Each structure stands twice: as C-alpha cells, then as structure tokens.
Amino acid sequence: MTTPRASRPPAPRRRWVSWTLAALVIALAASPVALRYLVFWPLDQWQVDVDVYRDAGVSILTGRPIYSAMTEAPQLLPFTYPPFAAFLALPLAFIPFGVVGWLWTALQVVATTAIVWYAGRRVLVTAGDRLPLALALLTAPMLWLHPVDDGIRFGQVNAFLVLACVMDLVEPRPRLARWLPRGALIGLAMAVKLTPGVFVVHFLVTRRWPEAATTVASAAVATLLAAVILPGTSWEFWTSALRDPTRLGPNAGTANQSIRGFLLRLGPEGLPGTVLWLVVVAVVAWFGFRLAARMYRAGDPVAELAVVGIVACLVSPVSWVHHYHWVVVVVLALLGARPWQERHRLWAALAVTVFFTLRLPWWGIDWLAHRDWPEWPGRVLQNADVAGGVLCLVLLWWVARERPGSRADEAGVGTPAEEATAGA
C-alpha cells in the first residue's frame, strides 16, 4: 500500500510564505544602506533633513516661528517647505528623534517598494505565483540607486512625492486613489513641495483641463487651509522665505544636479549665464513635454510619469541628488511589459540602473580634491546626474520610437528624425 503524497499547502498559506520571503529579501537589500546611514554615519550629520521636518512640527506645537527656527548645530538648517508640509510633520514631533530616523527610513523603503509595485505592475504580473519574489528582486537594486540612497541618508520626502504622483496617474489606479479625482494627489504633493507643479504644465500641454484644474485646486485647498490656521507663517513663506535662495543651501554645490546647478559650476556668470540657462531649459522642456504627450497618447502612463519627473529635475533651479528618485520610475518605464522579448528595453533599463548606482558626482568631488590631477575628468563626474537625466530622456524616446499602435501622429508629435525630415 502506497502512502499518498502530501498535498500542497493551501493557497493562502503559500501566499503568506511568498510575501514573507519577499519582505525578508527587501529588508536584506535595504540593510547595507540603512546600516551605513543609521548606525555608522556621524551623529552630527544623522538624518538632518527629517530633523528639519520634525522641528517644523515642534514649532507648530510650541508656537515658535517656523521659518526662523534652525536645527541644532552644527547643521543649523531652516525649514524651506510650504506651511502645509509642516502640518504633515506634526506626528513626528511626538516621537523621539532617535526613533524618527529609523521609522522614516523604513517608510522610505516601503514607499519605494510601492512605487515598484504600481509602476512595474506590467512586468511583475508575468511572474505569476512568483510575483512577491519578483517584486523583491526588482525593488532591491532600486534601493541602491544613489538618489534613493541619498534620500535615506538625509531622511528626505521624495519617495512619498513620487509615490503620490504614480498612484494618481498609473493605470489601473490603486484602490486608495480611485475615489479621488485624477490630479488630487499630485496637487497635495505640490502643496508639500513645489516641484510636482510641473505636472500642471504637462496637463495643459495635453489639454487635460480637468486634471490641471483638480491639481491646482487640490494644492490651493491645502495651501489655504494652512493659511487660515497659520496666517502669519503663510505670509512669511510666500512673501519672504520662498524668494530667499540662501535658505536652500549653496546652489552651485555638487548636490544641485539641475541644469542651473551645472551652469553655475561651469557656465558664464551674470546675465549671459541666466540667458543661457533659460535657453537650455526651454529646449529641454520643449522636447520633454512633447515626449510626455506622446507617451500619454500611446497609453503608457508609467513612461509619461518618468519623462515629466526627469524634466522637473532638469529644469528646476535647484534639484538635489535625492530629487532624482524619479529614476526608479524611469527604469520601470524602460523595462515595459516583456523586456525579455524586447532586449533593447532590458539593456536600456540596465544602463540607467548601473549609471545611477554609481555615485559619480561624489567621485568627481574626490577627483577634484587632488589638485595635481587634470581637472576636466573631475568636472565631468561632478555633473554626471545632469547628463544622466538627459540620458534618461533619450533612452525613453529611443525605446518608444517604434512603439506599435502609437498615436504620436494624432498628437502632432514625431521623432526628432521625422521632424528634421519634415523641416527639410
């Protein structure tokens, strides 16, 4: 008499085991970054940006002026965000700062995982029962991208802003976002940090009037709510703090990887430099918004998000390295749905991942510290993320240039080669 083979575990149990294993893989992938910046990092540089947010919450509770307060020495950093962001930081004021750093890091890892889940769903669903493990393996290298790494280093908010934009526009929309009109989450992100406002321009370019109106209205409601509760503070931000560039730190420093930061380091000074910046920004914005419109009309919201996010990083006057958290969306947009069938997509995604895993701007700083070495290689490395942002746009155009069923003609948007031929 033969013994029957053991039956397979019930499906719910298998799912629980799969998701537990995925969580462990993500935790292991995050541990080198977390240990570096939470255990071995100097205490006087520990989570300095989340300290700024927490201090804003403390200022509300104690009645201290938000925009006059500074974090403790030696950083002495001011709060530079709209007043609505201070309200969102209120819960942090009730938690000891030593706990906040660990909690904020965990939340950033979760937010980045959620970005991969929503923006990478097309490729993840092909994994079938192995979807949890596929999610973990796809998330792991995203945590090592140096913009994500830097966000964890400082305790930044960019992971949450990118996630809000992804949840707002990705298809199918997450359950948490379906009851909100499209554009509402982007508007709230815009009330926290002004840079997501670039999506309003994109909506106008693509003639999506309801989304543009909802984004502006959502941001306005949050901003007016803050103004009603903190009128003096709001007045100070919009009339004084917002126009003070010194509050943002040294704009010409290596950490500013926008086109303007690049030109401040290497371009002409004064009026010629400003004119050059405006011209270059106009060219990048023209190409970027047309490419984003093409992605929208082709029905690819992930690529659409990736293009607009990178354009925001390039054209903004100040884009710190951690603002390039959008690279996570770029990689997923490049992968598409079946990269193993479109090998050029796989190679493009791999190229961006490797490029942004290397900490090239900081390599440039180390190079320039050697006065006897030739300067130009150090300058190239120092501005690498600006070049990386342009590379992202070029690769996104490249992988989509022959997209089957693309409706670029309906948008009046052609490839650069097509437009050059038409102009000739």
Protein backbone atom coordinates (compact mmCIF):
# COMPACT_ATOMS: atom_id res chain seq x y z
CA MET A 1 0.00 0.00 0.00
CA THR A 2 1.48 3.29 -1.10
CA THR A 3 1.35 6.40 1.03
CA PRO A 4 -0.34 9.28 -0.75
CA ARG A 5 1.84 12.24 -1.46
CA ALA A 6 1.43 15.19 0.85
CA SER A 7 -0.99 17.68 -0.54
CA ARG A 8 0.23 21.18 -1.43
CA PRO A 9 -0.21 23.84 1.26
CA PRO A 10 -3.41 25.86 0.99
CA ALA A 11 -3.13 28.85 -1.35
CA PRO A 12 -3.45 31.47 1.45
CA ARG A 13 -0.54 29.85 3.30
CA ARG A 14 1.61 29.79 0.16
CA ARG A 15 0.86 33.47 -0.43
CA TRP A 16 1.76 34.30 3.16
CA VAL A 17 5.07 32.45 2.83
CA SER A 18 5.83 34.13 -0.51
CA TRP A 19 5.16 37.63 0.82
CA THR A 20 7.16 36.96 3.99
CA LEU A 21 10.12 35.81 1.90
CA ALA A 22 9.77 38.92 -0.30
CA ALA A 23 9.77 41.17 2.77
CA LEU A 24 12.93 39.50 4.04
CA VAL A 25 14.67 39.97 0.68
CA ILE A 26 13.75 43.68 0.64
CA ALA A 27 14.89 44.09 4.24
CA LEU A 28 18.23 42.44 3.43
CA ALA A 29 18.64 44.64 0.36
CA ALA A 30 17.93 47.77 2.42
CA SER A 31 20.18 46.78 5.31
CA PRO A 32 23.54 47.98 3.85
CA VAL A 33 22.11 51.44 3.17
CA ALA A 34 20.26 51.60 6.47
CA LEU A 35 23.25 50.43 8.50
CA ARG A 36 25.56 52.88 6.75
CA TYR A 37 23.39 55.91 7.43
CA LEU A 38 21.69 54.94 10.69
CA VAL A 39 24.46 53.12 12.56
CA PHE A 40 27.85 54.12 11.16
CA TRP A 41 27.10 57.67 10.00
CA PRO A 42 28.44 60.63 12.07
CA LEU A 43 25.84 61.79 14.59
CA ASP A 44 26.24 65.46 13.59
CA GLN A 45 25.03 64.51 10.07
CA TRP A 46 22.40 61.98 11.15
CA GLN A 47 19.05 62.31 9.30
CA VAL A 48 19.48 66.07 9.00
CA ASP A 49 16.52 66.69 6.68
CA VAL A 50 13.92 64.73 8.61
CA ASP A 51 15.19 66.71 11.60
CA VAL A 52 14.10 69.84 9.71
CA TYR A 53 10.60 68.44 9.19
CA ARG A 54 10.30 67.30 12.78
CA ASP A 55 11.41 70.72 14.02
CA ALA A 56 8.66 72.33 11.94
CA GLY A 57 6.11 70.16 13.74
CA VAL A 58 7.66 71.10 17.08
CA SER A 59 7.44 74.78 16.08
CA ILE A 60 3.69 74.47 15.49
CA LEU A 61 3.18 72.81 18.88
CA THR A 62 5.28 75.35 20.78
CA GLY A 63 4.27 78.49 18.86
CA ARG A 64 7.82 79.05 17.64
CA PRO A 65 8.22 80.82 14.25
CA ILE A 66 8.60 78.04 11.70
CA TYR A 67 10.83 79.84 9.23
CA SER A 68 13.10 81.44 11.84
CA ALA A 69 13.87 78.23 13.73
CA MET A 70 17.02 76.28 12.94
CA THR A 71 18.02 72.72 13.67
CA GLU A 72 20.75 72.17 16.25
CA ALA A 73 24.41 72.90 15.50
CA PRO A 74 26.46 72.18 13.50
CA GLN A 75 23.86 71.91 10.70
CA LEU A 76 21.67 74.93 11.57
CA LEU A 77 19.22 74.14 8.75
CA PRO A 78 15.97 76.12 8.25
CA PHE A 79 12.58 74.77 7.20
CA THR A 80 12.15 75.62 3.49
CA TYR A 81 8.82 73.99 2.58
CA PRO A 82 5.26 75.42 2.40
CA PRO A 83 3.35 75.61 5.71
CA PHE A 84 1.13 72.65 4.73
CA ALA A 85 4.22 70.43 4.87
CA ALA A 86 4.73 71.46 8.49
CA PHE A 87 1.25 70.14 9.36
CA LEU A 88 2.11 66.79 7.83
CA ALA A 89 5.22 66.73 10.02
CA LEU A 90 3.23 67.17 13.24
CA PRO A 91 3.16 63.42 14.11
CA LEU A 92 6.97 63.39 14.03
CA ALA A 93 7.04 65.97 16.83
CA PHE A 94 5.57 63.40 19.25
CA ILE A 95 8.26 60.78 18.52
CA PRO A 96 11.84 60.86 19.87
CA PHE A 97 14.25 61.90 17.15
CA GLY A 98 16.31 58.73 17.55
CA VAL A 99 13.23 56.71 16.63
CA VAL A 100 12.18 59.04 13.82
CA GLY A 101 15.29 58.27 11.75
CA TRP A 102 14.64 54.52 11.80
CA LEU A 103 10.91 54.93 11.18
CA TRP A 104 11.45 57.36 8.30
CA THR A 105 13.96 55.01 6.68
CA ALA A 106 11.52 52.09 6.91
CA LEU A 107 8.76 54.23 5.40
CA GLN A 108 11.02 55.26 2.51
CA VAL A 109 11.80 51.61 1.78
CA VAL A 110 8.08 50.79 1.85
CA ALA A 111 7.28 53.78 -0.40
CA THR A 112 9.96 52.77 -2.91
CA THR A 113 8.61 49.21 -2.91
CA ALA A 114 5.13 50.59 -3.58
CA ILE A 115 6.48 52.66 -6.49
CA VAL A 116 7.97 49.49 -7.98
CA TRP A 117 4.69 47.64 -7.41
CA TYR A 118 2.46 50.24 -9.09
CA ALA A 119 4.83 51.39 -11.84
CA GLY A 120 6.22 47.92 -12.57
CA ARG A 121 2.96 46.01 -12.49
CA ARG A 122 3.10 45.27 -16.23
CA VAL A 123 6.23 43.17 -15.88
CA LEU A 124 5.51 41.86 -12.38
CA VAL A 125 2.20 40.20 -13.29
CA THR A 126 4.04 37.99 -15.77
CA ALA A 127 5.75 36.31 -12.79
CA GLY A 128 2.51 34.56 -11.81
CA ASP A 129 2.78 32.85 -8.41
CA ARG A 130 6.32 34.19 -8.05
CA LEU A 131 5.11 37.81 -8.10
CA PRO A 132 6.16 38.60 -4.48
CA LEU A 133 9.70 37.37 -5.11
CA ALA A 134 9.81 39.23 -8.44
CA LEU A 135 8.74 42.42 -6.65
CA ALA A 136 11.50 41.97 -4.07
CA LEU A 137 14.18 41.27 -6.67
CA LEU A 138 13.12 44.28 -8.73
CA THR A 139 12.98 46.56 -5.67
CA ALA A 140 16.38 45.56 -4.30
CA PRO A 141 18.56 47.34 -6.92
CA MET A 142 16.27 50.39 -6.78
CA LEU A 143 17.27 50.84 -3.13
CA TRP A 144 20.91 51.04 -4.23
CA LEU A 145 20.38 53.84 -6.75
CA HIS A 146 22.27 56.75 -5.30
CA PRO A 147 19.31 59.21 -5.43
CA VAL A 148 17.33 56.70 -3.34
CA ASP A 149 20.39 56.08 -1.19
CA ASP A 150 20.79 59.83 -0.61
CA GLY A 151 17.12 60.16 0.29
CA ILE A 152 17.65 57.59 3.03
CA ARG A 153 20.89 59.29 4.06
CA PHE A 154 19.20 62.62 4.74
CA GLY A 155 15.70 61.42 5.66
CA GLN A 156 14.00 63.01 2.66
CA VAL A 157 10.41 63.12 1.32
CA ASN A 158 10.94 62.43 -2.37
CA ALA A 159 9.92 58.76 -2.20
CA PHE A 160 6.50 59.82 -0.92
CA LEU A 161 6.06 62.58 -3.51
CA VAL A 162 6.94 60.23 -6.38
CA LEU A 163 4.59 57.59 -4.95
CA ALA A 164 1.73 60.12 -4.79
CA CYS A 165 2.23 61.05 -8.45
CA VAL A 166 2.45 57.40 -9.50
CA MET A 167 -0.72 56.48 -7.63
CA ASP A 168 -2.51 59.41 -9.26
CA LEU A 169 -1.73 58.59 -12.90
CA VAL A 170 -0.82 54.91 -13.17
CA GLU A 171 -3.33 52.51 -14.73
CA PRO A 172 -5.12 50.73 -13.22
CA ARG A 173 -5.34 53.19 -10.36
CA PRO A 174 -4.77 51.82 -6.84
CA ARG A 175 -7.87 51.40 -4.69
CA LEU A 176 -6.64 54.12 -2.36
CA ALA A 177 -6.70 56.65 -5.21
CA ARG A 178 -9.79 55.63 -7.17
CA TRP A 179 -12.19 57.67 -5.04
CA LEU A 180 -10.16 60.84 -5.69
CA PRO A 181 -10.34 62.79 -8.96
CA ARG A 182 -7.23 62.42 -11.07
CA GLY A 183 -4.74 65.12 -10.15
CA ALA A 184 -5.72 65.42 -6.48
CA LEU A 185 -2.72 63.51 -5.12
CA ILE A 186 -0.33 65.45 -7.35
CA GLY A 187 -1.89 68.65 -6.02
CA LEU A 188 -1.26 67.54 -2.42
CA ALA A 189 2.33 66.68 -3.33
CA MET A 190 2.61 70.16 -4.86
CA ALA A 191 1.40 71.68 -1.56
CA VAL A 192 4.27 69.89 0.20
CA LYS A 193 6.96 70.68 -2.37
CA LEU A 194 6.50 72.96 -5.37
CA THR A 195 8.32 70.84 -7.97
CA PRO A 196 5.36 68.48 -8.76
CA GLY A 197 3.73 71.61 -10.20
CA VAL A 198 5.45 70.67 -13.47
CA PHE A 199 2.59 68.19 -13.97
CA VAL A 200 0.19 71.11 -14.33
CA VAL A 201 2.19 72.23 -17.37
CA HIS A 202 2.04 68.69 -18.74
CA PHE A 203 -1.73 68.55 -18.28
CA LEU A 204 -2.12 71.85 -20.10
CA VAL A 205 0.11 70.71 -22.96
CA THR A 206 -2.00 67.56 -23.36
CA ARG A 207 -5.25 69.57 -22.97
CA ARG A 208 -6.36 67.67 -19.92
CA TRP A 209 -8.22 70.56 -18.39
CA PRO A 210 -9.99 68.60 -15.58
CA GLU A 211 -6.70 67.11 -14.32
CA ALA A 212 -4.98 70.51 -14.44
CA ALA A 213 -7.86 72.17 -12.59
CA THR A 214 -8.01 69.40 -9.97
CA THR A 215 -4.26 69.57 -9.34
CA VAL A 216 -4.33 73.34 -8.86
CA ALA A 217 -7.50 73.19 -6.74
CA SER A 218 -6.11 70.43 -4.52
CA ALA A 219 -2.89 72.36 -3.93
CA ALA A 220 -4.84 75.56 -3.34
CA VAL A 221 -7.18 73.99 -0.78
CA ALA A 222 -4.26 72.56 1.20
CA THR A 223 -2.39 75.88 0.99
CA LEU A 224 -5.44 77.93 2.04
CA LEU A 225 -6.09 75.58 4.94
CA ALA A 226 -2.57 76.24 6.16
CA ALA A 227 -3.06 79.99 5.63
CA VAL A 228 -6.25 80.01 7.71
CA ILE A 229 -4.60 78.24 10.63
CA LEU A 230 -1.18 79.93 10.34
CA PRO A 231 -1.77 83.22 8.51
CA GLY A 232 1.44 84.91 9.62
CA THR A 233 3.58 81.90 8.82
CA SER A 234 1.98 81.52 5.38
CA TRP A 235 2.53 85.20 4.63
CA GLU A 236 6.18 84.88 5.60
CA PHE A 237 6.71 81.87 3.33
CA TRP A 238 5.04 83.26 0.19
CA THR A 239 6.44 86.79 0.52
CA SER A 240 9.88 86.18 2.00
CA ALA A 241 11.16 82.64 2.64
CA LEU A 242 10.22 81.35 -0.83
CA ARG A 243 12.26 84.10 -2.52
CA ASP A 244 15.37 83.58 -0.39
CA PRO A 245 17.73 81.27 -2.36
CA THR A 246 20.21 81.11 0.52
CA ARG A 247 17.75 79.00 2.52
CA LEU A 248 18.21 76.15 0.07
CA GLY A 249 21.95 75.86 0.53
CA PRO A 250 24.76 76.52 -1.99
CA ASN A 251 23.07 76.39 -5.40
CA ALA A 252 26.41 75.92 -7.16
CA GLY A 253 27.33 72.93 -4.99
CA THR A 254 27.71 69.45 -6.43
CA ALA A 255 24.48 68.26 -4.82
CA ASN A 256 22.47 70.57 -7.13
CA GLN A 257 22.19 68.39 -10.24
CA SER A 258 19.86 70.62 -12.23
CA ILE A 259 20.83 72.36 -15.46
CA ARG A 260 21.17 75.58 -13.48
CA GLY A 261 23.49 73.92 -10.98
CA PHE A 262 25.62 72.64 -13.86
CA LEU A 263 25.83 76.12 -15.42
CA LEU A 264 26.59 77.78 -12.09
CA ARG A 265 29.61 75.49 -11.79
CA LEU A 266 30.84 75.66 -15.39
CA GLY A 267 28.87 78.28 -17.33
CA PRO A 268 29.22 82.04 -17.71
CA GLU A 269 28.22 84.25 -14.80
CA GLY A 270 25.72 87.08 -14.58
CA LEU A 271 23.21 87.89 -17.33
CA PRO A 272 24.85 85.70 -20.01
CA GLY A 273 24.63 82.71 -17.68
CA THR A 274 20.95 83.40 -16.92
CA VAL A 275 20.11 83.75 -20.62
CA LEU A 276 21.96 80.52 -21.43
CA TRP A 277 20.12 78.71 -18.64
CA LEU A 278 16.72 79.91 -19.89
CA VAL A 279 17.53 78.84 -23.45
CA VAL A 280 18.73 75.36 -22.44
CA VAL A 281 15.78 74.89 -20.09
CA ALA A 282 13.37 75.90 -22.86
CA VAL A 283 14.87 73.33 -25.24
CA VAL A 284 14.76 70.53 -22.65
CA ALA A 285 11.21 71.43 -21.63
CA TRP A 286 10.06 71.57 -25.27
CA PHE A 287 11.48 68.11 -26.01
CA GLY A 288 10.39 66.64 -22.67
CA PHE A 289 6.79 67.82 -22.73
CA ARG A 290 6.35 66.70 -26.33
CA LEU A 291 7.77 63.28 -25.43
CA ALA A 292 5.49 63.06 -22.38
CA ALA A 293 2.50 63.96 -24.59
CA ARG A 294 3.49 61.18 -26.95
CA MET A 295 3.66 58.70 -24.07
CA TYR A 296 0.24 59.82 -22.85
CA ARG A 297 -1.38 59.35 -26.24
CA ALA A 298 0.33 55.99 -26.63
CA GLY A 299 -1.37 54.86 -23.41
CA ASP A 300 1.84 54.48 -21.36
CA PRO A 301 1.30 56.38 -18.08
CA VAL A 302 4.49 54.97 -16.50
CA ALA A 303 6.69 56.39 -19.26
CA GLU A 304 4.65 59.60 -19.13
CA LEU A 305 5.37 59.93 -15.41
CA ALA A 306 9.04 59.12 -15.92
CA VAL A 307 9.51 61.80 -18.57
CA VAL A 308 7.74 64.55 -16.61
CA GLY A 309 9.60 63.64 -13.41
CA ILE A 310 13.01 63.83 -15.07
CA VAL A 311 12.09 67.08 -16.85
CA ALA A 312 11.22 68.53 -13.44
CA CYS A 313 14.65 67.57 -12.10
CA LEU A 314 16.47 69.13 -15.07
CA VAL A 315 14.57 72.42 -15.39
CA SER A 316 14.10 73.21 -11.70
CA PRO A 317 16.53 75.86 -10.43
CA VAL A 318 17.58 73.51 -7.63
CA SER A 319 17.43 69.71 -7.89
CA TRP A 320 19.35 67.92 -5.19
CA VAL A 321 20.59 64.42 -5.95
CA HIS A 322 17.76 62.83 -3.97
CA HIS A 323 15.19 64.60 -6.19
CA TYR A 324 16.17 62.07 -8.86
CA HIS A 325 14.14 59.40 -7.06
CA TRP A 326 12.23 59.51 -10.37
CA VAL A 327 14.93 57.24 -11.80
CA VAL A 328 13.05 54.32 -10.21
CA VAL A 329 10.09 55.10 -12.48
CA VAL A 330 12.42 55.57 -15.45
CA VAL A 331 13.86 52.06 -15.04
CA LEU A 332 10.38 50.53 -14.86
CA ALA A 333 9.21 52.54 -17.87
CA LEU A 334 12.19 51.32 -19.87
CA LEU A 335 11.54 47.70 -18.91
CA GLY A 336 7.97 47.83 -20.22
CA ALA A 337 5.88 44.67 -20.03
CA ARG A 338 8.11 41.98 -21.59
CA PRO A 339 11.73 43.14 -21.67
CA TRP A 340 12.97 39.62 -22.44
CA GLN A 341 11.19 39.92 -25.79
CA GLU A 342 12.43 43.47 -26.42
CA ARG A 343 16.06 43.16 -25.44
CA HIS A 344 16.81 46.81 -26.19
CA ARG A 345 14.47 47.71 -23.30
CA LEU A 346 16.32 45.40 -20.95
CA TRP A 347 19.69 46.88 -21.90
CA ALA A 348 18.39 50.44 -21.58
CA ALA A 349 16.98 49.76 -18.10
CA LEU A 350 20.21 48.06 -17.06
CA ALA A 351 22.28 51.01 -18.33
CA VAL A 352 20.27 53.53 -16.28
CA THR A 353 20.39 51.31 -13.19
CA VAL A 354 24.17 50.90 -13.35
CA PHE A 355 24.72 54.59 -14.13
CA PHE A 356 22.71 55.79 -11.13
CA THR A 357 24.05 53.10 -8.80
CA LEU A 358 27.50 54.59 -9.25
CA ARG A 359 27.92 57.69 -7.10
CA LEU A 360 29.56 59.63 -9.92
CA PRO A 361 29.08 63.21 -8.62
CA TRP A 362 30.80 62.26 -5.37
CA TRP A 363 33.57 60.55 -7.34
CA GLY A 364 34.01 63.91 -9.06
CA ILE A 365 34.45 65.66 -5.72
CA ASP A 366 37.11 63.15 -4.69
CA TRP A 367 38.86 63.60 -8.04
CA LEU A 368 38.86 67.42 -7.79
CA ALA A 369 40.38 67.18 -4.32
CA HIS A 370 43.62 66.05 -6.00
CA ARG A 371 44.98 69.37 -7.25
CA ASP A 372 47.71 67.71 -9.29
CA TRP A 373 45.21 65.65 -11.35
CA PRO A 374 43.71 67.01 -14.60
CA GLU A 375 40.53 68.91 -13.74
CA TRP A 376 38.19 68.04 -16.62
CA PRO A 377 37.50 64.36 -15.69
CA GLY A 378 36.51 65.52 -12.22
CA ARG A 379 34.17 68.16 -13.67
CA VAL A 380 32.54 65.58 -15.93
CA LEU A 381 31.95 63.25 -12.99
CA GLN A 382 30.77 66.12 -10.78
CA ASN A 383 27.90 66.86 -13.21
CA ALA A 384 27.09 63.25 -14.06
CA ASP A 385 23.49 63.24 -12.84
CA VAL A 386 22.57 66.11 -15.16
CA ALA A 387 23.94 64.03 -18.04
CA GLY A 388 22.13 61.02 -16.57
CA GLY A 389 18.83 62.90 -16.63
CA VAL A 390 19.33 63.75 -20.31
CA LEU A 391 20.31 60.12 -20.93
CA CYS A 392 17.02 59.01 -19.36
CA LEU A 393 15.01 61.20 -21.73
CA VAL A 394 16.96 59.98 -24.76
CA LEU A 395 16.52 56.32 -23.81
CA LEU A 396 12.80 56.79 -23.10
CA TRP A 397 12.43 58.28 -26.58
CA TRP A 398 14.59 55.50 -28.07
CA VAL A 399 12.60 52.57 -26.67
CA ALA A 400 9.30 54.17 -27.72
CA ARG A 401 10.26 55.42 -31.16
CA GLU A 402 8.73 52.40 -32.92
CA ARG A 403 6.02 51.59 -30.41
CA PRO A 404 3.28 49.51 -32.11
CA GLY A 405 -0.03 51.33 -32.15
CA SER A 406 1.49 54.63 -31.05
CA ARG A 407 -0.76 57.56 -31.75
CA ALA A 408 2.00 60.15 -31.90
CA ASP A 409 0.66 61.43 -35.20
CA GLU A 410 -2.63 62.34 -33.51
CA ALA A 411 -0.69 64.48 -31.04
CA GLY A 412 1.36 66.14 -33.73
CA VAL A 413 4.46 64.73 -32.08
CA GLY A 414 7.07 62.98 -34.21
CA THR A 415 10.51 61.71 -33.55
CA PRO A 416 13.40 64.14 -33.96
CA ALA A 417 14.38 62.39 -37.20
CA GLU A 418 10.85 62.67 -38.57
CA GLU A 419 10.64 66.32 -37.65
CA ALA A 420 14.02 67.02 -39.23
CA THR A 421 12.88 65.31 -42.43
CA ALA A 422 9.64 67.30 -42.44
CA GLY A 423 11.58 70.53 -41.89
CA ALA A 424 13.85 69.71 -44.83
